[in-house]
N, C-alpha and C. Protein backbone atom coordinates (compact mmCIF):
# COMPACT_ATOMS: atom_id res chain seq x y z
N UNK A 1 0.90 -1.14 -0.08
CA UNK A 1 0.06 -0.03 -0.19
C UNK A 1 0.74 1.18 0.03
N UNK A 2 0.28 2.49 -0.69
CA UNK A 2 1.03 3.57 -0.68
C UNK A 2 0.89 4.44 0.30
N UNK A 3 1.46 5.43 0.61
CA UNK A 3 1.28 6.33 1.54
C UNK A 3 1.00 7.59 0.82
N UNK A 4 -0.19 8.48 1.14
CA UNK A 4 -0.30 9.80 0.93
C UNK A 4 0.69 10.87 1.71
N UNK A 5 1.33 11.62 0.78
CA UNK A 5 2.11 12.59 1.61
C UNK A 5 1.85 14.11 1.23
N UNK A 6 2.19 14.87 2.07
CA UNK A 6 1.92 16.39 1.89
C UNK A 6 3.18 17.16 2.54
N UNK A 7 3.00 18.45 2.55
CA UNK A 7 4.09 19.28 3.17
C UNK A 7 4.25 18.91 4.58
N UNK A 8 3.39 18.35 5.35
CA UNK A 8 3.50 18.24 6.67
C UNK A 8 4.17 16.94 7.24
N UNK A 9 4.14 15.79 6.40
CA UNK A 9 4.61 14.52 6.39
C UNK A 9 5.71 14.22 5.32
N UNK A 10 5.93 15.08 4.41
CA UNK A 10 7.25 14.57 3.52
C UNK A 10 8.40 14.38 3.93
N UNK A 11 8.75 15.22 4.93
CA UNK A 11 10.28 14.94 5.56
C UNK A 11 10.13 13.50 6.17
N UNK A 12 9.36 13.37 6.87
CA UNK A 12 9.24 12.19 7.78
C UNK A 12 9.11 10.87 6.97
N UNK A 13 8.18 10.89 6.06
CA UNK A 13 7.70 9.79 5.07
C UNK A 13 8.83 9.52 3.90
N UNK A 14 9.41 10.64 3.56
CA UNK A 14 10.14 10.28 2.28
C UNK A 14 11.70 10.56 2.62
N UNK A 15 12.12 11.76 3.17
CA UNK A 15 13.62 12.24 3.42
C UNK A 15 14.08 11.43 4.52
N UNK A 16 13.40 11.28 5.38
CA UNK A 16 13.95 10.26 6.66
C UNK A 16 13.93 8.75 6.65
N UNK A 17 13.25 8.28 5.55
CA UNK A 17 12.92 6.91 5.31
C UNK A 17 14.32 6.18 5.17
N UNK A 18 14.41 4.92 5.88
CA UNK A 18 15.33 3.96 5.74
C UNK A 18 15.35 3.19 4.43
N UNK A 19 14.19 3.15 4.04
CA UNK A 19 14.12 2.54 2.51
C UNK A 19 14.23 3.45 1.60
N UNK A 20 14.54 2.94 0.26
CA UNK A 20 14.30 3.78 -0.60
C UNK A 20 12.72 4.33 -1.23
N UNK A 21 12.44 5.44 -1.76
CA UNK A 21 11.16 6.12 -1.85
C UNK A 21 10.87 6.11 -3.03
N UNK A 22 9.78 5.69 -3.46
CA UNK A 22 9.21 6.20 -4.88
C UNK A 22 8.17 7.13 -4.72
N UNK A 23 8.08 8.44 -5.01
CA UNK A 23 7.26 9.20 -4.85
C UNK A 23 6.40 9.66 -6.37
N UNK A 24 5.49 9.42 -6.41
CA UNK A 24 4.48 9.55 -7.54
C UNK A 24 3.78 11.17 -7.29
N UNK A 25 4.08 12.07 -8.32
CA UNK A 25 3.60 13.34 -8.14
C UNK A 25 2.43 13.25 -9.13
N UNK A 26 1.33 13.71 -8.69
CA UNK A 26 0.03 13.46 -9.63
C UNK A 26 -1.27 14.29 -9.20
N UNK A 27 -2.20 14.32 -10.25
CA UNK A 27 -3.45 15.13 -10.02
C UNK A 27 -4.53 14.28 -10.37
N UNK A 28 -5.77 14.56 -9.73
CA UNK A 28 -7.02 13.77 -10.09
C UNK A 28 -7.46 14.13 -11.38
N UNK A 29 -7.24 15.29 -12.30
CA UNK A 29 -7.72 15.50 -13.37
C UNK A 29 -6.78 14.95 -14.57
N UNK A 30 -5.76 14.49 -14.10
CA UNK A 30 -4.63 13.97 -15.10
C UNK A 30 -4.80 12.78 -15.72
N UNK A 31 -5.11 12.53 -16.84
CA UNK A 31 -5.32 11.38 -17.51
C UNK A 31 -4.18 10.24 -17.48
N UNK A 32 -2.98 10.77 -18.00
CA UNK A 32 -1.92 9.83 -17.79
C UNK A 32 -1.73 9.47 -16.26
N UNK A 33 -1.95 10.35 -15.36
CA UNK A 33 -1.88 9.91 -13.85
C UNK A 33 -2.70 8.78 -13.60
N UNK A 34 -4.19 8.76 -13.98
CA UNK A 34 -4.93 7.86 -13.86
C UNK A 34 -4.39 6.54 -14.57
N UNK A 35 -3.90 6.66 -15.62
CA UNK A 35 -3.18 5.30 -16.31
C UNK A 35 -2.07 4.82 -15.37
N UNK A 36 -1.34 5.65 -14.71
CA UNK A 36 -0.07 5.13 -14.01
C UNK A 36 -0.52 4.71 -12.84
N UNK A 37 -1.74 5.01 -12.08
CA UNK A 37 -1.98 4.73 -10.84
C UNK A 37 -1.97 3.08 -10.62
N UNK A 38 -2.36 2.43 -11.45
CA UNK A 38 -2.42 1.02 -11.19
C UNK A 38 -0.97 0.42 -11.29
N UNK A 39 -0.07 1.00 -12.01
CA UNK A 39 1.29 0.62 -11.99
C UNK A 39 1.97 1.18 -10.59
N UNK A 40 1.78 2.26 -9.90
CA UNK A 40 2.14 2.51 -8.75
C UNK A 40 1.60 1.67 -7.67
N UNK A 41 0.40 1.38 -7.86
CA UNK A 41 -0.43 0.70 -6.82
C UNK A 41 0.26 -0.95 -6.87
N UNK A 42 0.55 -1.48 -7.96
CA UNK A 42 1.20 -2.74 -8.31
C UNK A 42 2.64 -3.01 -7.65
N UNK A 43 3.39 -1.86 -7.94
CA UNK A 43 4.77 -1.66 -7.36
C UNK A 43 4.58 -1.71 -5.85
N UNK A 44 3.63 -0.84 -5.33
CA UNK A 44 3.64 -0.78 -3.69
C UNK A 44 3.14 -2.04 -3.01
N UNK A 45 2.36 -2.95 -3.82
CA UNK A 45 2.07 -4.24 -3.20
C UNK A 45 3.13 -5.34 -3.50
N UNK A 46 4.04 -5.34 -4.52
CA UNK A 46 5.05 -6.17 -4.81
C UNK A 46 6.27 -6.11 -4.19
N UNK A 47 6.53 -4.80 -3.84
CA UNK A 47 7.90 -4.63 -3.60
C UNK A 47 8.14 -3.99 -1.92
N UNK A 48 8.30 -4.91 -1.08
CA UNK A 48 8.28 -4.59 0.52
C UNK A 48 9.74 -3.85 0.78
N UNK A 49 10.73 -3.87 -0.26
CA UNK A 49 12.11 -3.28 -0.12
C UNK A 49 11.92 -1.66 -0.46
N UNK A 50 10.88 -1.16 -1.05
CA UNK A 50 10.49 0.09 -1.48
C UNK A 50 9.39 0.64 -0.88
N UNK A 51 9.72 1.72 -0.22
CA UNK A 51 8.44 2.62 0.17
C UNK A 51 7.79 3.48 -1.04
N UNK A 52 6.55 3.54 -1.21
CA UNK A 52 5.75 4.14 -2.31
C UNK A 52 5.03 5.25 -1.74
N UNK A 53 5.06 6.23 -2.29
CA UNK A 53 4.13 7.67 -1.71
C UNK A 53 3.69 8.31 -2.80
N UNK A 54 2.56 9.11 -2.61
CA UNK A 54 1.78 9.74 -3.56
C UNK A 54 1.79 11.05 -2.97
N UNK A 55 2.04 12.13 -4.10
CA UNK A 55 1.73 13.49 -3.88
C UNK A 55 0.86 14.19 -4.65
N UNK A 56 -0.32 14.71 -4.26
CA UNK A 56 -1.32 15.30 -5.28
C UNK A 56 -0.73 16.80 -5.31
N UNK A 57 -0.59 17.26 -6.68
CA UNK A 57 0.33 18.37 -6.87
C UNK A 57 -0.64 19.61 -6.73
N UNK A 58 -2.00 19.30 -6.96
CA UNK A 58 -3.04 20.42 -6.78
C UNK A 58 -3.11 20.79 -5.17
N UNK A 59 -2.81 19.82 -4.26
CA UNK A 59 -2.93 20.23 -2.71
C UNK A 59 -1.81 20.56 -2.09
N UNK A 60 -0.33 20.30 -3.05
CA UNK A 60 1.01 20.37 -2.43
C UNK A 60 1.88 20.93 -3.44
N UNK A 61 1.29 22.29 -3.97
CA UNK A 61 2.12 22.81 -5.12
C UNK A 61 3.31 23.35 -4.72
N UNK A 62 3.66 23.42 -3.43
CA UNK A 62 4.81 23.83 -2.77
C UNK A 62 6.05 22.74 -3.06
N UNK A 63 5.50 21.43 -2.67
CA UNK A 63 6.34 20.34 -2.82
C UNK A 63 6.76 20.16 -4.46
N UNK A 64 5.78 20.37 -5.00
CA UNK A 64 6.03 20.19 -6.68
C UNK A 64 6.91 21.23 -7.31
N UNK A 65 6.92 22.47 -6.71
CA UNK A 65 7.86 23.50 -7.04
C UNK A 65 9.32 23.01 -6.47
N UNK A 66 9.35 22.59 -5.40
CA UNK A 66 10.66 22.42 -4.54
C UNK A 66 11.34 21.42 -5.71
N UNK A 67 10.50 20.38 -6.18
CA UNK A 67 11.36 19.21 -6.65
C UNK A 67 11.09 19.48 -8.23
N UNK A 68 10.59 20.58 -8.70
CA UNK A 68 10.75 21.14 -10.09
C UNK A 68 10.06 20.13 -11.14
N UNK A 69 8.64 19.76 -10.66
CA UNK A 69 7.89 18.97 -11.02
C UNK A 69 6.94 19.89 -12.06
N UNK A 70 7.22 19.70 -13.53
CA UNK A 70 6.75 20.63 -14.41
C UNK A 70 5.55 19.97 -15.34
N UNK A 71 5.60 18.69 -15.25
CA UNK A 71 4.66 17.81 -15.93
C UNK A 71 4.35 16.77 -15.05
N UNK A 72 3.20 16.29 -15.27
CA UNK A 72 2.77 14.97 -14.55
C UNK A 72 2.19 14.01 -15.19
N UNK A 73 2.17 12.55 -14.93
CA UNK A 73 2.92 12.14 -13.84
C UNK A 73 4.40 12.36 -13.68
N UNK A 74 5.12 12.82 -12.63
CA UNK A 74 6.35 12.80 -12.39
C UNK A 74 6.57 11.71 -11.28
N UNK A 75 7.42 10.71 -11.59
CA UNK A 75 7.78 9.80 -10.30
C UNK A 75 9.25 9.82 -10.19
N UNK A 76 9.45 10.20 -8.85
CA UNK A 76 10.96 10.29 -8.38
C UNK A 76 11.30 9.17 -7.43
N UNK A 77 12.67 8.87 -7.58
CA UNK A 77 13.31 7.88 -6.59
C UNK A 77 14.09 8.83 -5.49
N UNK A 78 13.87 8.45 -4.29
CA UNK A 78 14.55 9.09 -3.16
C UNK A 78 15.29 8.10 -2.46
N UNK A 79 16.68 8.18 -2.36
CA UNK A 79 17.51 7.26 -1.52
C UNK A 79 18.40 8.39 -0.41
N UNK A 80 18.13 7.88 0.94
CA UNK A 80 18.94 8.79 1.92
C UNK A 80 18.59 10.24 1.73
N UNK A 81 17.56 10.51 1.39
CA UNK A 81 16.74 11.83 1.67
C UNK A 81 17.17 12.65 0.37
N UNK A 82 17.58 12.08 -0.70
CA UNK A 82 17.84 12.67 -2.08
C UNK A 82 17.29 12.42 -3.00
N UNK A 83 16.76 12.88 -4.03
CA UNK A 83 16.13 12.69 -5.20
C UNK A 83 17.08 11.93 -6.05
N UNK A 84 17.18 10.65 -6.40
CA UNK A 84 18.32 10.33 -7.35
C UNK A 84 17.91 9.97 -8.78
N UNK A 85 16.76 9.80 -9.11
CA UNK A 85 16.19 9.45 -10.64
C UNK A 85 14.75 9.95 -10.64
N UNK A 86 14.57 10.40 -11.97
CA UNK A 86 13.17 10.75 -12.09
C UNK A 86 12.58 10.27 -13.38
N UNK A 87 11.36 10.09 -13.57
CA UNK A 87 10.59 9.41 -14.68
C UNK A 87 9.40 10.28 -14.98
N UNK A 88 9.26 10.88 -16.03
CA UNK A 88 8.14 11.78 -16.57
C UNK A 88 7.20 11.13 -17.61
N UNK A 89 5.81 11.24 -17.48
CA UNK A 89 4.98 10.61 -18.25
C UNK A 89 4.60 9.00 -17.85
N UNK A 90 3.60 8.69 -18.55
CA UNK A 90 3.27 7.27 -18.11
C UNK A 90 4.20 6.27 -18.68
N UNK A 91 4.54 5.39 -17.77
CA UNK A 91 5.41 4.11 -18.24
C UNK A 91 4.97 2.93 -17.88
N UNK A 92 5.26 1.89 -18.41
CA UNK A 92 5.02 0.42 -17.99
C UNK A 92 5.77 0.11 -16.74
N UNK A 93 5.33 -0.76 -15.98
CA UNK A 93 6.15 -1.06 -14.57
C UNK A 93 7.62 -1.56 -14.72
N UNK A 94 7.90 -2.12 -15.57
CA UNK A 94 9.12 -2.76 -15.99
C UNK A 94 10.25 -1.52 -16.46
N UNK A 95 9.62 -0.66 -17.19
CA UNK A 95 10.35 0.44 -17.88
C UNK A 95 10.50 1.54 -16.83
N UNK A 96 9.58 1.76 -15.93
CA UNK A 96 9.55 2.73 -14.87
C UNK A 96 10.55 2.10 -13.85
N UNK A 97 10.56 0.94 -13.58
CA UNK A 97 11.58 0.42 -12.43
C UNK A 97 12.93 0.79 -12.86
N UNK A 98 13.20 0.28 -14.16
CA UNK A 98 14.52 0.65 -14.85
C UNK A 98 15.00 1.88 -14.78
N UNK A 99 14.12 2.84 -15.09
CA UNK A 99 14.44 4.24 -15.07
C UNK A 99 14.57 4.94 -13.88
N UNK A 100 14.08 4.19 -12.82
CA UNK A 100 14.51 4.53 -11.39
C UNK A 100 15.54 3.90 -10.80
N UNK A 101 16.05 2.88 -11.49
CA UNK A 101 17.27 2.23 -11.06
C UNK A 101 16.96 1.13 -9.95
N UNK A 102 15.72 0.48 -9.87
CA UNK A 102 15.46 -0.52 -8.68
C UNK A 102 14.86 -1.70 -9.75
């Protein structure tokens, strides 16, 4: 299961996580984001070694700006509190995981 994060819990859930974290920046109105949702859900159910979080960019525009999210869906991989890889747009699961380095 994934975790919804916002400005209040992003540091705790993502930046301080002991596991690598995939963060999906998305919006409800975004068609490609809706297509990506089952992929993100599947990763969250299959990979216990990775934490999966979602950020609604309409509700958390400050986080989106901080991480230079200019198109959605944007999926970022965080390790040790740092963004280490980014994927933009819809991708199938295998390609997304390869792009993120997991």
